[in-house]
Amino acid sequence: MSDNLDNIFDELNNDVLHEEKTSLLSEGERRNVAILFADIQGFTELSESLDHEIVKNILDGILKVFTISVENHGGYVDKYTGDQIMALFGAKVASELDTQRAVFAALDMQKKLDQFNKIFPSKYNLSPEEHSLSVRFGINTGVVTTGKVGKGREGDFTVYGDAVNLASRMESNAPVNRIMLTEKTMQMVEAYFKFEDHGNIKVKGKKDDISVFLISDVKERHDDLDPRFKTPFVGNQDELKKINDLFHKTAQKIGIKETSPFTAIGIEGNAGQGKSRLISEFLHLSQHVYIHGATSNIHSRSYHIFVSLIKSCIQITELDSLDVIKQKLNDFYFDIESYLTEKECQEFLESKALIGLLIGIKSDDERLKTKGRELQTHIQIAIRRFIYALILKTNLSGIPLVIILEDLHWIDDPSKYALINLFESFEMSRENEDSPEYLFILNYRPEFEMPIEINRNCNFEKIKLQPLKDTECMEIMNYFTDKNKLSEELNNALIQGSEGNPFYVEEWMQLILAKYKQGEDIS
């Protein structure tokens, strides 16, 4: 590959992350996954102006860039076919966010291709209007079956089924540079994205027309805690009441001069046990003001949980350019300033350069030139001042700010140290009788060891989620089946196999209903 192309793809690939180790698929296994097809357009026109070897290298480079986008969002590439790529999300590690990740991966690919189109033509003296590449995306979520690929590739599998065919049809019918989804898939992520109704299309093998939608934008402030399925909220009623009572106790302290410790709630539970759902139900009880950050089992960037929180507060989306991010940061700081005293405002403004650094904006601030422990200290102070300013603003409305930090079992070390610093600093500030009020809600899996500095610097209330009772599992199952479609034997097997985990119940019910719709015996 030429130096020109090497430089371009190095620039596009500057965000390579560590791939999570996953288990191999088994032959004949059935999974509910999100399938993404991406088809690159425009190589015919390039072939008329460039040597075929250069065109081949361009295709190889873009497919590598797209592969990194897929892996960075928790998927893996199932196959390459010419200038098309097929990727799966949830095939090796199931997640409640597989469809969302597939869409964000497609948006990232589109952004990378747009960057390529801005850089590439000038390197070869080509017209950008005549030699730009484009791409079509199709996404569908459904049940697939795994099968072996060819001979002599032990452990290497692809997936088959109607869900795959439908995802392919979404891609082939999508307009260029657009992402098309089926209506059912769209409904899974409507809390995160805005859509354009693209009407109905005829699909080979389908008797009825299929309703399809195109992604039009990322919602500026979506409900990060919206559950994947609209199933009934069962169990954990006492836990919900406890969280709500602690919130109201915190609210009652606003304006009262005292130095009592602030409250943090730790929600412990296994994967899929309903930690996020419990928080979501609490938020829906009334109009709480909250900020939200989460770790990731996919991304391994430093300070990820706080970067997530900051982007959510400033309403930065995957579609935003660097110029748009800068403008949103400036607008956000300008708005918050008006709620602060002169001293509070000065401290808040001092955090701006470091907060900008965390979201990819560089400046000439001298603190950004430091390294190691010194830079870490500057970032920790900036995070504390950022959150503190939001607390002050929220308290002016007579309510505490709810600070939600999810999935601490995946927290990176810089984030953990920043969290410890945050708790220690906030507890020290409680010595002031006029300290503001706020409520932390943290969730994590049982393997996470809560740092002792967090426990000792607040009133820490731990909630340990228990498995659902049999009757509660049945309530979720009845939601999917209208109470009468499953035999008693199958009901009992599902309840026993789920071990009271609501996510497992929902996943298996999806698989069972898929078999039912295909005319298979589900008794």
Protein backbone atom coordinates (compact mmCIF):
# COMPACT_ATOMS: atom_id res chain seq x y z
CA MET A 1 0.00 0.00 0.00
CA SER A 2 1.27 3.47 -0.81
CA ASP A 3 2.47 5.91 1.86
CA ASN A 4 -0.52 8.13 1.04
CA LEU A 5 -2.99 5.39 1.90
CA ASP A 6 -1.00 4.23 4.92
CA ASN A 7 -1.19 7.74 6.39
CA ILE A 8 -4.91 8.05 5.71
CA PHE A 9 -5.85 4.73 7.30
CA ASP A 10 -3.50 5.30 10.25
CA GLU A 11 -5.41 8.51 10.93
CA LEU A 12 -8.79 6.80 10.67
CA ASN A 13 -7.67 3.92 12.89
CA ASN A 14 -6.37 6.02 15.77
CA ASP A 15 -9.05 4.75 18.14
CA VAL A 16 -8.30 1.01 18.10
CA LEU A 17 -9.42 -0.53 21.38
CA HIS A 18 -8.72 -3.79 23.14
CA GLU A 19 -10.96 -6.58 21.94
CA GLU A 20 -12.88 -8.40 24.64
CA LYS A 21 -12.17 -12.11 24.80
CA THR A 22 -15.28 -14.05 23.88
CA SER A 23 -16.27 -17.67 23.66
CA LEU A 24 -16.63 -19.43 20.32
CA LEU A 25 -20.05 -20.30 18.98
CA SER A 26 -21.27 -23.87 18.91
CA GLU A 27 -22.75 -25.50 15.84
CA GLY A 28 -26.54 -25.48 15.81
CA GLU A 29 -26.75 -22.89 18.58
CA ARG A 30 -29.65 -20.41 18.43
CA ARG A 31 -29.08 -16.79 19.44
CA ASN A 32 -31.02 -13.54 19.39
CA VAL A 33 -28.60 -11.16 17.66
CA ALA A 34 -28.40 -7.88 15.77
CA ILE A 35 -27.16 -8.36 12.20
CA LEU A 36 -25.54 -5.50 10.28
CA PHE A 37 -24.79 -5.43 6.55
CA ALA A 38 -22.71 -2.62 5.03
CA ASP A 39 -22.12 -2.34 1.28
CA ILE A 40 -19.58 0.19 -0.02
CA GLN A 41 -20.43 1.93 -3.30
CA GLY A 42 -18.25 3.79 -5.81
CA PHE A 43 -15.33 1.51 -6.64
CA THR A 44 -16.33 1.28 -10.31
CA GLU A 45 -15.78 5.02 -10.73
CA LEU A 46 -12.45 4.81 -8.88
CA SER A 47 -11.30 1.98 -11.14
CA GLU A 48 -11.65 4.27 -14.15
CA SER A 49 -9.16 6.77 -12.68
CA LEU A 50 -6.75 4.72 -10.55
CA ASP A 51 -4.62 1.63 -10.95
CA HIS A 52 -6.50 -1.51 -9.92
CA GLU A 53 -3.88 -2.26 -7.23
CA ILE A 54 -4.52 1.10 -5.56
CA VAL A 55 -8.29 0.48 -5.70
CA LYS A 56 -7.79 -2.95 -4.12
CA ASN A 57 -5.70 -1.41 -1.33
CA ILE A 58 -8.36 1.23 -0.74
CA LEU A 59 -11.03 -1.45 -0.35
CA ASP A 60 -8.83 -3.49 2.00
CA GLY A 61 -8.08 -0.42 4.09
CA ILE A 62 -11.71 0.64 4.40
CA LEU A 63 -12.82 -2.87 5.32
CA LYS A 64 -10.17 -2.88 8.08
CA VAL A 65 -11.44 0.49 9.32
CA PHE A 66 -15.01 -0.85 9.31
CA THR A 67 -13.89 -3.98 11.16
CA ILE A 68 -12.36 -1.87 13.93
CA SER A 69 -15.62 0.10 14.18
CA VAL A 70 -17.53 -3.17 14.59
CA GLU A 71 -15.16 -4.54 17.23
CA ASN A 72 -15.05 -1.24 19.13
CA HIS A 73 -18.83 -1.49 19.53
CA GLY A 74 -18.88 -5.08 20.75
CA GLY A 75 -19.54 -6.94 17.48
CA TYR A 76 -17.48 -9.18 15.27
CA VAL A 77 -17.29 -9.57 11.50
CA ASP A 78 -18.97 -12.73 10.29
CA LYS A 79 -17.83 -12.42 6.66
CA TYR A 80 -16.59 -10.19 3.86
CA THR A 81 -18.16 -10.52 0.42
CA GLY A 82 -16.51 -8.31 -2.17
CA ASP A 83 -17.11 -4.77 -0.96
CA GLN A 84 -19.73 -5.88 1.59
CA ILE A 85 -19.28 -6.65 5.27
CA MET A 86 -21.61 -8.64 7.55
CA ALA A 87 -21.30 -8.17 11.31
CA LEU A 88 -23.04 -9.66 14.33
CA PHE A 89 -23.75 -8.12 17.73
CA GLY A 90 -24.69 -10.47 20.57
CA ALA A 91 -23.66 -13.69 18.81
CA LYS A 92 -20.82 -14.42 21.22
CA VAL A 93 -21.76 -12.30 24.23
CA ALA A 94 -25.45 -11.45 24.70
CA SER A 95 -26.26 -7.90 25.75
CA GLU A 96 -29.37 -5.81 26.22
CA LEU A 97 -27.76 -3.19 23.96
CA ASP A 98 -26.87 -5.27 20.89
CA THR A 99 -29.14 -3.38 18.48
CA GLN A 100 -28.03 -0.03 19.84
CA ARG A 101 -24.38 -1.03 19.40
CA ALA A 102 -25.02 -2.13 15.82
CA VAL A 103 -26.50 1.28 14.98
CA PHE A 104 -23.66 3.15 16.66
CA ALA A 105 -21.16 0.98 14.77
CA ALA A 106 -22.87 1.90 11.49
CA LEU A 107 -22.79 5.59 12.42
CA ASP A 108 -19.10 5.30 13.24
CA MET A 109 -18.40 3.61 9.88
CA GLN A 110 -20.29 6.40 8.10
CA LYS A 111 -18.25 9.02 9.96
CA LYS A 112 -14.98 7.27 9.07
CA LEU A 113 -15.97 7.03 5.40
CA ASP A 114 -16.89 10.73 5.37
CA GLN A 115 -13.43 11.51 6.79
CA PHE A 116 -11.84 9.32 4.13
CA ASN A 117 -13.74 11.15 1.38
CA LYS A 118 -12.45 14.50 2.66
CA ILE A 119 -8.81 13.34 2.72
CA PHE A 120 -8.47 10.86 -0.13
CA PRO A 121 -9.29 12.73 -3.41
CA SER A 122 -6.71 15.46 -2.86
CA LYS A 123 -3.97 12.86 -2.35
CA TYR A 124 -4.52 11.59 -5.90
CA ASN A 125 -5.72 14.83 -7.56
CA LEU A 126 -9.24 13.49 -7.99
CA SER A 127 -12.54 15.35 -7.96
CA PRO A 128 -14.32 14.86 -4.59
CA GLU A 129 -17.70 15.10 -6.34
CA GLU A 130 -16.91 12.32 -8.82
CA HIS A 131 -14.77 10.00 -6.73
CA SER A 132 -16.32 9.88 -3.27
CA LEU A 133 -17.32 6.52 -1.85
CA SER A 134 -20.70 5.86 -0.23
CA VAL A 135 -22.21 3.05 1.81
CA ARG A 136 -25.61 1.48 2.51
CA PHE A 137 -26.47 -0.12 5.85
CA GLY A 138 -29.12 -2.64 6.82
CA ILE A 139 -29.79 -3.78 10.39
CA ASN A 140 -32.20 -6.38 11.72
CA THR A 141 -32.44 -8.11 15.09
CA GLY A 142 -33.79 -11.62 15.43
CA VAL A 143 -33.08 -15.27 16.11
CA VAL A 144 -30.36 -17.00 14.09
CA THR A 145 -28.87 -20.49 13.95
CA THR A 146 -25.13 -21.15 13.75
CA GLY A 147 -23.47 -23.51 11.31
CA LYS A 148 -19.97 -24.45 10.20
CA VAL A 149 -18.15 -22.56 7.46
CA GLY A 150 -16.48 -24.77 4.89
CA LYS A 151 -13.94 -27.47 5.85
CA GLY A 152 -11.03 -27.49 8.22
CA ARG A 153 -12.05 -24.43 10.23
CA GLU A 154 -12.88 -25.88 13.60
CA GLY A 155 -14.70 -23.41 15.84
CA ASP A 156 -15.45 -21.02 12.96
CA PHE A 157 -19.18 -20.55 12.36
CA THR A 158 -21.55 -18.31 10.48
CA VAL A 159 -25.25 -17.74 11.12
CA TYR A 160 -28.35 -18.52 9.12
CA GLY A 161 -32.03 -17.79 9.25
CA ASP A 162 -34.78 -15.42 8.23
CA ALA A 163 -33.35 -12.66 10.43
CA VAL A 164 -30.12 -12.68 8.39
CA ASN A 165 -31.97 -12.58 5.07
CA LEU A 166 -34.09 -9.68 6.28
CA ALA A 167 -31.02 -7.71 7.38
CA SER A 168 -29.53 -8.23 3.90
CA ARG A 169 -32.75 -6.96 2.31
CA MET A 170 -32.61 -3.89 4.54
CA GLU A 171 -29.16 -3.08 3.15
CA SER A 172 -30.06 -3.67 -0.51
CA ASN A 173 -33.14 -1.42 -0.20
CA ALA A 174 -31.48 1.36 1.83
CA PRO A 175 -30.67 4.69 0.15
CA VAL A 176 -26.94 5.43 -0.05
CA ASN A 177 -25.38 6.70 3.19
CA ARG A 178 -28.45 5.71 5.17
CA ILE A 179 -29.20 3.01 7.77
CA MET A 180 -32.40 1.01 7.27
CA LEU A 181 -34.12 -1.07 9.98
CA THR A 182 -37.28 -3.13 10.21
CA GLU A 183 -40.06 -1.70 12.35
CA LYS A 184 -39.54 -4.30 15.09
CA THR A 185 -35.81 -3.53 15.25
CA MET A 186 -36.51 0.20 15.24
CA GLN A 187 -38.74 -0.18 18.30
CA MET A 188 -35.85 -1.71 20.25
CA VAL A 189 -33.80 1.49 19.96
CA GLU A 190 -36.40 4.23 19.59
CA ALA A 191 -35.32 5.63 22.97
CA TYR A 192 -31.91 6.41 21.48
CA PHE A 193 -32.50 7.50 17.88
CA LYS A 194 -34.82 9.56 15.70
CA PHE A 195 -36.33 7.80 12.70
CA GLU A 196 -37.80 8.59 9.32
CA ASP A 197 -40.67 6.36 8.22
CA HIS A 198 -39.63 4.95 4.84
CA GLY A 199 -42.94 3.21 4.19
CA ASN A 200 -43.33 -0.43 3.18
CA ILE A 201 -41.16 -2.54 0.89
CA LYS A 202 -41.64 -5.91 -0.76
CA VAL A 203 -39.19 -8.54 0.41
CA LYS A 204 -38.57 -11.83 -1.35
CA GLY A 205 -40.00 -14.71 0.62
CA LYS A 206 -42.39 -12.53 2.61
CA LYS A 207 -46.11 -12.58 1.89
CA ASP A 208 -46.75 -9.14 3.34
CA ASP A 209 -44.84 -5.91 2.80
CA ILE A 210 -42.30 -4.96 5.47
CA SER A 211 -42.49 -1.61 7.28
CA VAL A 212 -39.04 0.00 7.34
CA PHE A 213 -37.40 3.03 8.93
CA LEU A 214 -34.25 5.09 8.39
CA ILE A 215 -32.05 6.54 11.14
CA SER A 216 -32.32 10.34 10.94
CA ASP A 217 -30.46 11.42 14.09
CA VAL A 218 -29.34 10.46 17.58
CA LYS A 219 -31.66 11.72 20.29
CA GLU A 220 -29.95 14.48 22.23
CA ARG A 221 -31.20 13.30 25.61
CA HIS A 222 -32.53 9.79 25.51
CA ASP A 223 -33.48 7.69 28.50
CA ASP A 224 -30.25 5.74 28.98
CA LEU A 225 -32.05 3.42 31.34
CA ASP A 226 -34.94 2.42 29.11
CA PRO A 227 -35.42 -1.37 29.37
CA ARG A 228 -34.96 -3.47 26.26
CA PHE A 229 -38.40 -5.05 26.48
CA LYS A 230 -41.52 -3.36 27.86
CA THR A 231 -42.14 -6.21 30.26
CA PRO A 232 -43.91 -5.74 33.61
CA PHE A 233 -41.75 -4.63 36.52
CA VAL A 234 -41.92 -7.54 38.93
CA GLY A 235 -40.10 -8.14 42.19
CA ASN A 236 -37.85 -5.64 43.95
CA GLN A 237 -40.79 -3.52 45.13
CA ASP A 238 -39.25 -3.14 48.59
CA GLU A 239 -35.93 -2.16 47.04
CA LEU A 240 -37.68 0.45 44.89
CA LYS A 241 -39.36 1.91 47.95
CA LYS A 242 -36.05 2.07 49.81
CA ILE A 243 -34.38 4.05 47.01
CA ASN A 244 -37.33 6.42 46.82
CA ASP A 245 -37.36 6.94 50.60
CA LEU A 246 -33.62 7.72 50.63
CA PHE A 247 -34.12 10.23 47.84
CA HIS A 248 -36.86 12.04 49.77
CA LYS A 249 -34.76 12.08 52.95
CA THR A 250 -32.00 13.73 50.94
CA ALA A 251 -34.45 16.23 49.46
CA GLN A 252 -35.68 17.22 52.91
CA LYS A 253 -32.16 18.33 53.88
CA ILE A 254 -31.96 21.05 51.21
CA GLY A 255 -31.73 24.46 52.86
CA ILE A 256 -31.17 22.97 56.34
CA LYS A 257 -27.83 23.84 57.91
CA GLU A 258 -26.25 20.55 58.95
CA THR A 259 -23.14 18.50 58.23
CA SER A 260 -24.53 14.97 57.87
CA PRO A 261 -22.84 12.61 55.36
CA PHE A 262 -24.23 12.40 51.84
CA THR A 263 -25.95 9.17 50.76
CA ALA A 264 -24.82 6.64 48.16
CA ILE A 265 -26.83 3.57 47.18
CA GLY A 266 -25.04 0.49 45.89
CA ILE A 267 -27.17 -1.95 43.86
CA GLU A 268 -25.54 -5.37 43.54
CA GLY A 269 -26.80 -8.05 41.20
CA ASN A 270 -25.76 -10.55 38.57
CA ALA A 271 -25.89 -9.79 34.85
CA GLY A 272 -29.49 -9.41 33.69
CA GLN A 273 -30.91 -9.38 37.21
CA GLY A 274 -32.55 -5.98 36.84
CA LYS A 275 -30.12 -3.40 38.24
CA SER A 276 -30.74 -0.86 35.48
CA ARG A 277 -34.45 -1.65 35.42
CA LEU A 278 -34.73 -0.88 39.14
CA ILE A 279 -33.04 2.50 38.62
CA SER A 280 -35.29 3.20 35.64
CA GLU A 281 -38.41 2.47 37.68
CA PHE A 282 -37.18 4.85 40.40
CA LEU A 283 -36.64 7.63 37.87
CA HIS A 284 -40.12 7.11 36.44
CA LEU A 285 -41.79 7.57 39.82
CA SER A 286 -41.47 11.33 39.42
CA GLN A 287 -39.50 13.94 37.50
CA HIS A 288 -36.03 13.52 38.95
CA VAL A 289 -33.04 15.47 37.70
CA TYR A 290 -30.19 13.07 37.11
CA ILE A 291 -26.89 12.64 35.34
CA HIS A 292 -25.78 9.26 34.11
CA GLY A 293 -22.50 7.57 33.25
CA ALA A 294 -21.64 3.96 32.53
CA THR A 295 -18.57 1.83 32.07
CA SER A 296 -18.24 -0.54 29.13
CA ASN A 297 -17.04 -4.08 28.56
CA ILE A 298 -16.14 -2.95 25.05
CA HIS A 299 -14.30 0.34 25.41
CA SER A 300 -11.10 0.52 27.43
CA ARG A 301 -10.37 4.25 27.29
CA SER A 302 -9.31 5.97 30.50
CA TYR A 303 -12.03 7.81 32.47
CA HIS A 304 -14.68 6.11 30.36
CA ILE A 305 -17.47 6.32 32.94
CA PHE A 306 -16.97 10.08 33.35
CA VAL A 307 -16.58 10.67 29.62
CA SER A 308 -19.92 8.90 29.23
CA LEU A 309 -21.46 11.13 31.91
CA ILE A 310 -20.02 14.34 30.44
CA LYS A 311 -21.18 13.54 26.90
CA SER A 312 -24.66 12.79 28.20
CA CYS A 313 -24.80 16.11 30.09
CA ILE A 314 -23.55 18.16 27.14
CA GLN A 315 -25.73 16.11 24.75
CA ILE A 316 -22.89 15.04 22.50
CA THR A 317 -23.88 12.37 19.98
CA GLU A 318 -22.03 9.99 17.69
CA LEU A 319 -22.91 12.18 14.73
CA ASP A 320 -21.31 15.35 16.10
CA SER A 321 -18.23 16.75 14.38
CA LEU A 322 -15.39 18.26 16.41
CA ASP A 323 -16.70 21.77 15.65
CA VAL A 324 -20.17 20.83 16.89
CA ILE A 325 -18.69 19.30 20.06
CA LYS A 326 -16.74 22.51 20.73
CA GLN A 327 -19.88 24.59 20.29
CA LYS A 328 -21.92 22.35 22.57
CA LEU A 329 -19.22 22.54 25.24
CA ASN A 330 -19.16 26.35 25.05
CA ASP A 331 -22.98 26.58 25.16
CA PHE A 332 -23.15 24.23 28.13
CA TYR A 333 -20.62 26.20 30.18
CA PHE A 334 -22.30 29.50 29.27
CA ASP A 335 -25.65 28.15 30.50
CA ILE A 336 -24.36 26.74 33.81
CA GLU A 337 -22.42 29.94 34.64
CA SER A 338 -25.65 31.89 35.09
CA TYR A 339 -26.66 29.69 38.04
CA LEU A 340 -23.42 30.10 40.01
CA THR A 341 -21.91 32.70 42.29
CA GLU A 342 -18.76 34.48 41.14
CA LYS A 343 -16.48 32.13 43.13
CA GLU A 344 -18.38 29.01 42.02
CA CYS A 345 -18.30 30.21 38.43
CA GLN A 346 -14.54 30.76 38.50
CA GLU A 347 -13.89 27.21 39.74
CA PHE A 348 -16.32 25.78 37.20
CA LEU A 349 -14.65 27.60 34.30
CA GLU A 350 -11.26 26.30 35.42
CA SER A 351 -12.51 22.78 34.68
CA LYS A 352 -13.37 23.52 31.03
CA ALA A 353 -10.01 22.76 29.41
CA LEU A 354 -9.70 19.40 31.22
CA ILE A 355 -13.31 18.44 30.49
CA GLY A 356 -12.64 19.35 26.87
CA LEU A 357 -9.60 17.07 26.87
CA LEU A 358 -11.74 14.13 28.02
CA ILE A 359 -14.13 14.55 25.07
CA GLY A 360 -11.40 15.08 22.48
CA ILE A 361 -10.90 18.85 22.43
CA LYS A 362 -7.34 20.09 22.82
CA SER A 363 -6.38 23.58 23.97
CA ASP A 364 -3.30 25.58 24.93
CA ASP A 365 -3.99 25.24 28.64
CA GLU A 366 -0.69 24.55 30.45
CA ARG A 367 -2.26 21.80 32.55
CA LEU A 368 -2.76 19.71 29.40
CA LYS A 369 1.00 19.58 28.94
CA THR A 370 1.53 17.78 32.25
CA LYS A 371 1.77 14.00 32.52
CA GLY A 372 1.28 11.13 34.93
CA ARG A 373 0.08 11.84 38.46
CA GLU A 374 0.02 15.62 37.93
CA LEU A 375 -2.32 15.37 34.91
CA GLN A 376 -4.43 12.80 36.78
CA THR A 377 -4.88 15.27 39.66
CA HIS A 378 -5.94 18.05 37.27
CA ILE A 379 -8.52 15.76 35.66
CA GLN A 380 -9.91 14.62 39.01
CA ILE A 381 -10.35 18.22 40.16
CA ALA A 382 -12.06 19.11 36.87
CA ILE A 383 -14.51 16.19 37.14
CA ARG A 384 -15.37 17.17 40.71
CA ARG A 385 -15.96 20.83 39.78
CA PHE A 386 -18.04 19.83 36.76
CA ILE A 387 -20.39 17.63 38.80
CA TYR A 388 -20.46 20.06 41.74
CA ALA A 389 -21.69 22.87 39.47
CA LEU A 390 -24.55 20.67 38.26
CA ILE A 391 -25.47 19.87 41.86
CA LEU A 392 -25.60 23.57 42.72
CA LYS A 393 -27.81 24.31 39.72
CA THR A 394 -30.22 21.46 40.54
CA ASN A 395 -30.50 22.45 44.23
CA LEU A 396 -31.79 25.88 43.16
CA SER A 397 -34.99 24.06 42.14
CA GLY A 398 -35.31 22.58 45.63
CA ILE A 399 -34.36 19.02 44.68
CA PRO A 400 -31.15 16.97 44.95
CA LEU A 401 -29.23 15.86 41.87
CA VAL A 402 -29.22 12.09 41.30
CA ILE A 403 -25.80 10.88 40.09
CA ILE A 404 -26.05 7.43 38.47
CA LEU A 405 -22.88 5.43 37.73
CA GLU A 406 -23.47 2.00 36.21
CA ASP A 407 -21.53 -1.25 35.82
CA LEU A 408 -18.66 -0.46 38.16
CA HIS A 409 -17.36 -4.03 37.72
CA TRP A 410 -15.86 -2.86 34.39
CA ILE A 411 -14.42 0.41 35.70
CA ASP A 412 -10.96 1.39 34.46
CA ASP A 413 -8.34 2.40 37.04
CA PRO A 414 -8.28 6.15 36.23
CA SER A 415 -12.07 6.23 36.60
CA LYS A 416 -11.88 4.33 39.90
CA TYR A 417 -9.31 6.74 41.34
CA ALA A 418 -11.37 9.71 40.12
CA LEU A 419 -14.47 8.23 41.80
CA ILE A 420 -12.61 7.75 45.08
CA ASN A 421 -11.32 11.33 44.87
CA LEU A 422 -14.86 12.52 44.18
CA PHE A 423 -16.25 10.83 47.30
CA GLU A 424 -13.38 12.01 49.49
CA SER A 425 -13.67 15.60 48.24
CA PHE A 426 -17.45 15.68 48.56
CA GLU A 427 -17.30 14.33 52.11
CA MET A 428 -14.74 16.98 53.09
CA SER A 429 -17.03 19.68 51.68
CA ARG A 430 -19.84 18.46 53.99
CA GLU A 431 -18.06 20.22 56.83
CA ASN A 432 -19.67 23.33 55.40
CA GLU A 433 -23.22 23.67 56.76
CA ASP A 434 -24.39 25.12 53.44
CA SER A 435 -23.23 22.12 51.42
CA PRO A 436 -25.56 21.10 48.55
CA GLU A 437 -27.52 17.84 48.41
CA TYR A 438 -27.20 14.94 46.00
CA LEU A 439 -27.73 11.20 45.84
CA PHE A 440 -25.33 8.70 44.26
CA ILE A 441 -26.69 5.46 42.80
CA LEU A 442 -24.03 2.89 41.85
CA ASN A 443 -24.64 -0.53 40.40
CA TYR A 444 -22.30 -3.46 39.93
CA ARG A 445 -22.03 -7.24 39.83
CA PRO A 446 -21.15 -9.33 42.92
CA GLU A 447 -17.51 -9.77 41.85
CA PHE A 448 -16.88 -6.03 42.21
CA GLU A 449 -15.09 -5.00 45.39
CA MET A 450 -16.30 -1.60 46.50
CA PRO A 451 -13.28 0.56 47.44
CA ILE A 452 -13.18 1.13 51.19
CA GLU A 453 -12.72 4.87 50.57
CA ILE A 454 -16.24 5.02 49.12
CA ASN A 455 -17.87 3.15 52.00
CA ARG A 456 -16.27 5.29 54.69
CA ASN A 457 -16.88 8.69 53.07
CA CYS A 458 -20.67 8.58 52.89
CA ASN A 459 -23.80 6.97 54.23
CA PHE A 460 -23.55 3.87 52.03
CA GLU A 461 -26.75 1.83 51.61
CA LYS A 462 -26.31 -1.52 49.89
CA ILE A 463 -29.15 -3.23 48.04
CA LYS A 464 -28.54 -6.83 46.98
CA LEU A 465 -30.98 -8.02 44.33
CA GLN A 466 -32.48 -11.47 44.79
CA PRO A 467 -33.70 -13.89 42.07
CA LEU A 468 -37.32 -13.53 41.01
CA LYS A 469 -39.87 -15.86 42.52
CA ASP A 470 -41.55 -18.47 40.30
CA THR A 471 -44.77 -16.45 40.18
CA GLU A 472 -42.82 -13.36 39.12
CA CYS A 473 -41.11 -15.27 36.31
CA MET A 474 -44.54 -16.46 35.18
CA GLU A 475 -45.76 -12.87 35.06
CA ILE A 476 -43.03 -11.99 32.57
CA MET A 477 -43.68 -15.13 30.53
CA ASN A 478 -47.41 -14.41 30.39
CA TYR A 479 -46.64 -10.97 28.98
CA PHE A 480 -45.16 -12.65 25.89
CA THR A 481 -47.64 -15.51 25.47
CA ASP A 482 -51.06 -14.20 26.50
CA LYS A 483 -51.06 -16.85 29.24
CA ASN A 484 -52.09 -19.90 27.19
CA LYS A 485 -49.48 -20.93 24.61
CA LEU A 486 -46.91 -22.83 26.68
CA SER A 487 -47.35 -26.20 28.32
CA GLU A 488 -46.96 -26.56 32.05
CA GLU A 489 -43.88 -28.69 31.46
CA LEU A 490 -42.21 -25.99 29.36
CA ASN A 491 -43.20 -23.29 31.86
CA ASN A 492 -41.55 -25.21 34.66
CA ALA A 493 -38.42 -25.88 32.60
CA LEU A 494 -38.04 -22.17 31.78
CA ILE A 495 -38.55 -21.09 35.37
CA GLN A 496 -36.04 -23.62 36.64
CA GLY A 497 -33.49 -22.85 33.93
CA SER A 498 -33.70 -19.07 34.34
CA GLU A 499 -32.85 -19.27 38.06
CA GLY A 500 -35.01 -16.19 38.59
CA ASN A 501 -33.03 -13.99 36.18
CA PRO A 502 -35.46 -11.73 34.23
CA PHE A 503 -33.07 -11.21 31.30
CA TYR A 504 -32.82 -14.98 30.74
CA VAL A 505 -36.61 -15.29 30.89
CA GLU A 506 -37.01 -12.55 28.28
CA GLU A 507 -34.31 -13.98 25.99
CA TRP A 508 -35.80 -17.48 26.06
CA MET A 509 -39.30 -16.18 25.46
CA GLN A 510 -38.02 -14.36 22.39
CA LEU A 511 -36.49 -17.59 21.09
CA ILE A 512 -39.65 -19.57 21.80
CA LEU A 513 -41.89 -17.02 20.07
CA ALA A 514 -39.57 -17.01 17.05
CA LYS A 515 -39.97 -20.80 16.77
CA TYR A 516 -43.74 -20.44 17.18
CA LYS A 517 -43.97 -17.89 14.35
CA GLN A 518 -42.01 -20.25 12.10
CA GLY A 519 -44.57 -22.97 12.76
CA GLU A 520 -42.34 -25.09 14.98
CA ASP A 521 -43.72 -27.05 17.92
CA ILE A 522 -43.11 -25.13 21.17
CA SER A 523 -44.82 -27.52 23.53
